[in-house]
Amino acid sequence: MYADCRVCSDTSTHPPVSQSTAECGCVVCTGERLFDVDSGRESTGGAPNQHFTIIFNAFVMMTLFNEMNARKIHGQRNVFDGLGRNVVFIGIWVGTFLAQVTTPVL
């Protein structure tokens, strides 16, 4: 009766897995070369560095786009369908985006 009532379906696991793979592969492993900044891996503490700030910013932006894509979980393709009916979601999404974009990089 409840055999197919899983919390995470196969469709809902693809965006987080692809997001984490993209972030680890592109930003964490090769970020210092892509953005021409010093790597912060060898630092022993102290002030934050540009590499980790870029990693955090990329994580927040990927999470925002994942929030948009996670609105449809049953195979629907148009993630923007019905977006205008959810004013709270739009407000939080735009507010988070603006806060992230207007924050200066260290």
Protein backbone atom coordinates (compact mmCIF):
# COMPACT_ATOMS: atom_id res chain seq x y z
CA MET A 1 0.00 0.00 0.00
CA TYR A 2 2.78 2.47 0.93
CA ALA A 3 5.54 0.92 -1.16
CA ASP A 4 5.87 3.94 -3.46
CA CYS A 5 5.55 6.68 -0.82
CA ARG A 6 9.16 7.77 -0.52
CA VAL A 7 10.19 11.19 0.68
CA CYS A 8 12.79 11.58 -2.08
CA SER A 9 11.73 10.37 -5.51
CA ASP A 10 14.19 9.69 -8.29
CA THR A 11 13.14 12.93 -9.98
CA SER A 12 13.66 15.05 -6.86
CA THR A 13 17.19 13.78 -6.20
CA HIS A 14 18.68 14.87 -9.54
CA PRO A 15 18.88 18.67 -8.94
CA PRO A 16 20.73 18.48 -5.57
CA VAL A 17 23.13 15.82 -6.85
CA SER A 18 23.93 17.77 -10.01
CA GLN A 19 24.21 21.01 -8.02
CA SER A 20 26.70 19.58 -5.55
CA THR A 21 28.70 17.94 -8.34
CA ALA A 22 28.90 21.19 -10.29
CA GLU A 23 29.89 23.20 -7.24
CA CYS A 24 32.58 20.78 -6.11
CA GLY A 25 33.96 20.27 -9.59
CA CYS A 26 33.96 23.84 -10.83
CA VAL A 27 34.17 26.17 -7.89
CA VAL A 28 35.86 24.28 -5.06
CA CYS A 29 38.47 22.33 -7.01
CA THR A 30 39.34 24.81 -9.75
CA GLY A 31 37.94 28.09 -8.42
CA GLU A 32 41.28 29.72 -7.73
CA ARG A 33 42.34 29.14 -11.35
CA LEU A 34 38.98 30.12 -12.85
CA PHE A 35 38.76 33.40 -10.94
CA ASP A 36 42.50 34.11 -10.61
CA VAL A 37 42.51 34.37 -6.81
CA ASP A 38 44.70 32.85 -4.11
CA SER A 39 43.60 29.47 -2.81
CA GLY A 40 42.51 29.52 0.82
CA ARG A 41 43.09 25.83 1.47
CA GLU A 42 46.41 26.29 3.24
CA SER A 43 45.30 29.18 5.46
CA THR A 44 45.31 28.53 9.19
CA GLY A 45 42.51 30.93 10.06
CA GLY A 46 42.27 34.66 10.27
CA ALA A 47 40.53 36.82 7.71
CA PRO A 48 38.29 35.23 5.10
CA ASN A 49 39.71 35.01 1.61
CA GLN A 50 38.28 35.57 -1.87
CA HIS A 51 38.28 31.90 -2.83
CA PHE A 52 35.98 30.83 0.00
CA THR A 53 33.81 33.93 -0.51
CA ILE A 54 33.32 32.96 -4.15
CA ILE A 55 32.50 29.39 -3.09
CA PHE A 56 29.86 30.67 -0.69
CA ASN A 57 28.37 33.05 -3.28
CA ALA A 58 28.22 30.25 -5.85
CA PHE A 59 26.54 27.98 -3.30
CA VAL A 60 23.86 30.59 -2.55
CA MET A 61 23.19 31.28 -6.24
CA MET A 62 22.96 27.58 -7.06
CA THR A 63 20.58 27.13 -4.14
CA LEU A 64 18.38 29.93 -5.44
CA PHE A 65 18.14 28.33 -8.86
CA ASN A 66 17.54 24.95 -7.24
CA GLU A 67 14.63 26.50 -5.30
CA MET A 68 13.14 27.62 -8.60
CA ASN A 69 13.56 24.19 -10.18
CA ALA A 70 12.26 22.34 -7.11
CA ARG A 71 8.83 23.90 -7.50
CA LYS A 72 7.86 21.17 -9.97
CA ILE A 73 8.62 17.60 -8.93
CA HIS A 74 6.32 15.42 -11.01
CA GLY A 75 8.05 15.71 -14.36
CA GLN A 76 6.63 19.11 -15.32
CA ARG A 77 8.99 21.13 -17.47
CA ASN A 78 7.73 24.70 -17.04
CA VAL A 79 9.03 25.77 -13.63
CA PHE A 80 7.69 29.29 -14.16
CA ASP A 81 4.07 28.14 -14.48
CA GLY A 82 2.07 29.64 -11.62
CA LEU A 83 5.02 31.61 -10.26
CA GLY A 84 3.03 34.84 -10.16
CA ARG A 85 0.50 33.32 -7.76
CA ASN A 86 3.08 32.83 -5.01
CA VAL A 87 4.02 36.34 -3.88
CA VAL A 88 5.83 35.16 -0.73
CA PHE A 89 8.13 32.88 -2.73
CA ILE A 90 8.93 35.67 -5.19
CA GLY A 91 9.64 38.12 -2.36
CA ILE A 92 11.99 35.78 -0.53
CA TRP A 93 13.73 34.71 -3.75
CA VAL A 94 14.26 38.28 -5.02
CA GLY A 95 15.29 39.52 -1.56
CA THR A 96 17.89 36.76 -1.19
CA PHE A 97 19.17 37.37 -4.72
CA LEU A 98 19.51 41.12 -4.17
CA ALA A 99 21.21 40.65 -0.81
CA GLN A 100 23.69 38.28 -2.40
CA VAL A 101 24.40 40.43 -5.44
CA THR A 102 24.79 43.72 -3.57
CA THR A 103 27.11 42.29 -0.91
CA PRO A 104 30.72 43.15 -1.80
CA VAL A 105 33.27 40.37 -2.25
CA LEU A 106 36.04 40.50 0.35
